[in-house]
N, C-alpha and C. Protein backbone atom coordinates (compact mmCIF):
# COMPACT_ATOMS: atom_id res chain seq x y z
N MET A 1 0.79 -1.08 -0.06
CA MET A 1 0.02 -0.03 0.06
C MET A 1 1.04 1.28 -0.03
N THR A 2 0.45 2.06 -0.85
CA THR A 2 1.45 3.35 -0.87
C THR A 2 1.13 4.43 0.19
N GLU A 3 1.94 5.01 0.77
CA GLU A 3 1.69 6.06 1.52
C GLU A 3 1.32 7.46 0.82
N GLU A 4 0.25 7.97 1.10
CA GLU A 4 -0.18 9.29 0.48
C GLU A 4 -0.08 10.31 1.44
N PHE A 5 0.16 11.46 0.96
CA PHE A 5 0.37 12.62 1.75
C PHE A 5 -0.47 13.68 1.17
N ILE A 6 -0.88 14.61 2.05
CA ILE A 6 -1.60 15.75 1.75
C ILE A 6 -0.92 16.81 2.20
N ILE A 7 -0.64 18.07 1.33
CA ILE A 7 -0.01 19.09 1.54
C ILE A 7 -0.90 20.08 2.30
N GLU A 8 -0.59 20.27 3.56
CA GLU A 8 -1.43 21.09 4.40
C GLU A 8 -0.79 22.52 4.70
N ARG A 9 -1.54 23.59 4.55
CA ARG A 9 -1.05 24.91 4.72
C ARG A 9 -1.07 25.42 6.09
N LYS A 10 0.14 25.55 6.56
CA LYS A 10 0.02 26.14 8.06
C LYS A 10 0.77 27.41 8.12
N GLY A 11 -0.01 28.53 7.95
CA GLY A 11 0.59 29.88 7.85
C GLY A 11 1.19 30.01 6.51
N SER A 12 2.52 30.17 6.49
CA SER A 12 3.21 30.29 5.21
C SER A 12 4.06 29.11 4.95
N VAL A 13 3.94 28.16 5.86
CA VAL A 13 4.80 26.76 5.77
C VAL A 13 3.87 25.66 5.12
N LEU A 14 4.31 25.09 4.00
CA LEU A 14 3.71 24.12 3.51
C LEU A 14 4.40 22.55 4.08
N ARG A 15 3.71 21.90 4.74
CA ARG A 15 4.17 20.68 5.24
C ARG A 15 3.23 19.49 5.05
N PRO A 16 3.67 18.38 4.52
CA PRO A 16 2.76 17.16 4.39
C PRO A 16 2.37 16.56 5.66
N ARG A 17 1.17 16.02 5.62
CA ARG A 17 0.77 15.16 6.76
C ARG A 17 0.12 13.95 6.16
N ARG A 18 0.07 12.96 6.90
CA ARG A 18 -0.45 11.69 6.57
C ARG A 18 -1.93 11.68 6.36
N LYS A 19 -2.36 11.11 5.12
CA LYS A 19 -3.88 11.00 5.20
C LYS A 19 -4.38 10.31 6.27
N SER A 20 -5.60 10.75 6.65
CA SER A 20 -6.39 9.91 7.76
C SER A 20 -7.07 8.67 7.00
N VAL A 21 -7.28 7.87 7.90
CA VAL A 21 -8.12 6.57 7.31
C VAL A 21 -9.28 6.90 6.85
N LEU A 22 -10.07 7.86 7.15
CA LEU A 22 -11.37 8.22 6.40
C LEU A 22 -11.10 8.55 5.01
N GLU A 23 -10.09 9.66 4.80
CA GLU A 23 -9.77 10.09 3.56
C GLU A 23 -9.12 9.05 2.72
N GLU A 24 -8.34 8.17 3.14
CA GLU A 24 -8.01 7.01 2.40
C GLU A 24 -9.12 6.15 1.82
N SER A 25 -10.14 5.85 2.76
CA SER A 25 -11.27 5.14 2.54
C SER A 25 -12.02 5.78 1.34
N ILE A 26 -12.14 7.07 1.48
CA ILE A 26 -12.94 7.82 0.62
C ILE A 26 -12.46 7.73 -0.85
N THR A 27 -11.05 8.14 -0.89
CA THR A 27 -10.42 7.91 -2.18
C THR A 27 -10.53 6.63 -2.90
N GLU A 28 -10.20 5.62 -1.86
CA GLU A 28 -10.40 4.21 -2.36
C GLU A 28 -11.75 3.92 -3.02
N ILE A 29 -12.83 4.23 -2.29
CA ILE A 29 -14.17 4.08 -2.88
C ILE A 29 -14.43 4.85 -4.12
N LYS A 30 -13.84 6.08 -4.18
CA LYS A 30 -13.92 6.94 -5.52
C LYS A 30 -13.54 6.23 -6.64
N SER A 31 -12.12 5.56 -6.38
CA SER A 31 -11.59 4.87 -7.53
C SER A 31 -12.08 3.64 -7.94
N THR A 32 -12.64 2.82 -6.92
CA THR A 32 -13.32 1.69 -7.31
C THR A 32 -14.74 1.96 -8.00
N GLU A 33 -15.43 3.15 -7.62
CA GLU A 33 -16.54 3.51 -8.22
C GLU A 33 -16.19 3.83 -9.80
N GLN A 34 -15.25 4.68 -10.01
CA GLN A 34 -14.71 4.76 -11.37
C GLN A 34 -14.62 3.67 -12.16
N ARG A 35 -13.83 2.71 -11.55
CA ARG A 35 -13.43 1.56 -12.22
C ARG A 35 -14.67 0.58 -12.59
N PHE A 36 -15.56 0.72 -11.65
CA PHE A 36 -16.82 -0.17 -11.59
C PHE A 36 -17.66 0.39 -13.06
N SER A 37 -17.71 1.92 -13.02
CA SER A 37 -18.70 2.59 -14.08
C SER A 37 -17.92 2.32 -15.33
N LEU A 38 -16.64 2.51 -15.40
CA LEU A 38 -15.74 2.22 -16.64
C LEU A 38 -16.04 0.80 -16.92
N ASN A 39 -15.86 -0.20 -16.25
CA ASN A 39 -16.48 -1.54 -16.75
C ASN A 39 -17.53 -1.65 -17.15
N VAL A 40 -18.75 -1.17 -16.63
CA VAL A 40 -20.07 -1.20 -17.05
C VAL A 40 -20.25 -0.62 -18.40
N PHE A 41 -19.52 0.61 -18.61
CA PHE A 41 -19.50 1.24 -19.87
C PHE A 41 -19.01 0.30 -20.99
N ILE A 42 -17.88 -0.19 -20.62
CA ILE A 42 -17.12 -1.12 -21.76
C ILE A 42 -18.05 -2.33 -22.06
N VAL A 43 -18.80 -2.93 -21.10
CA VAL A 43 -19.49 -4.13 -21.41
C VAL A 43 -20.65 -3.82 -22.15
N ILE A 44 -21.34 -2.55 -22.03
CA ILE A 44 -22.52 -2.15 -22.68
C ILE A 44 -21.94 -1.74 -24.13
N MET A 45 -20.80 -1.20 -24.16
CA MET A 45 -20.38 -0.78 -25.48
C MET A 45 -20.04 -2.33 -26.29
N LEU A 46 -19.51 -3.11 -25.70
CA LEU A 46 -19.24 -4.65 -26.37
C LEU A 46 -20.68 -5.23 -26.79
N ILE A 47 -21.55 -5.20 -25.91
CA ILE A 47 -22.75 -5.65 -26.46
C ILE A 47 -23.43 -5.10 -27.42
N LEU A 48 -23.42 -3.59 -27.62
CA LEU A 48 -23.88 -2.88 -28.73
C LEU A 48 -23.29 -3.32 -29.96
N VAL A 49 -21.83 -3.39 -29.85
CA VAL A 49 -21.17 -3.52 -31.08
C VAL A 49 -21.35 -4.90 -31.55
N THR A 50 -21.54 -6.12 -30.72
CA THR A 50 -21.83 -7.29 -31.20
C THR A 50 -23.32 -7.44 -31.71
N MET A 51 -24.24 -6.77 -31.16
CA MET A 51 -25.41 -6.87 -31.63
C MET A 51 -25.50 -6.25 -33.02
N GLY A 52 -24.83 -5.16 -33.26
CA GLY A 52 -24.69 -4.46 -34.62
C GLY A 52 -24.10 -5.43 -35.58
N CYS A 53 -22.83 -6.19 -35.20
CA CYS A 53 -22.34 -7.09 -36.03
C CYS A 53 -23.30 -8.23 -36.47
N LEU A 54 -24.04 -8.71 -35.44
CA LEU A 54 -24.85 -9.91 -35.81
C LEU A 54 -25.97 -9.36 -36.71
N ARG A 55 -26.61 -8.06 -36.50
CA ARG A 55 -27.49 -7.54 -37.48
C ARG A 55 -27.10 -7.48 -38.79
N PHE A 56 -25.73 -7.12 -38.83
CA PHE A 56 -25.13 -6.83 -40.10
C PHE A 56 -25.16 -8.17 -40.81
N MET A 57 -24.45 -9.02 -40.23
CA MET A 57 -24.28 -10.48 -40.70
C MET A 57 -25.56 -11.32 -41.12
N LEU A 58 -26.65 -10.96 -40.35
CA LEU A 58 -28.01 -11.58 -40.56
C LEU A 58 -28.58 -10.95 -42.10
N ASN A 59 -28.44 -9.83 -42.21
CA ASN A 59 -29.00 -8.87 -43.15
C ASN A 59 -28.07 -9.62 -44.44
N ILE A 60 -26.95 -9.90 -44.48
CA ILE A 60 -26.19 -10.26 -45.56
C ILE A 60 -26.74 -11.54 -45.89
N PHE A 61 -26.86 -12.60 -45.03
CA PHE A 61 -27.28 -13.91 -45.44
C PHE A 61 -28.71 -13.95 -45.60
């Protein structure tokens, strides 16, 4: 697991602090959500393409 740091502004000094557990879980949930929606999109596109190909082939024969 990679250590992630957030740059926190304290006055004029920038210093990194460790991400809290909540922030880590939130970013993890967001990334899995994006991955899931991308997978759904890819599956739908594949289905549409295969349906189009089948229609095309059935029209030829």
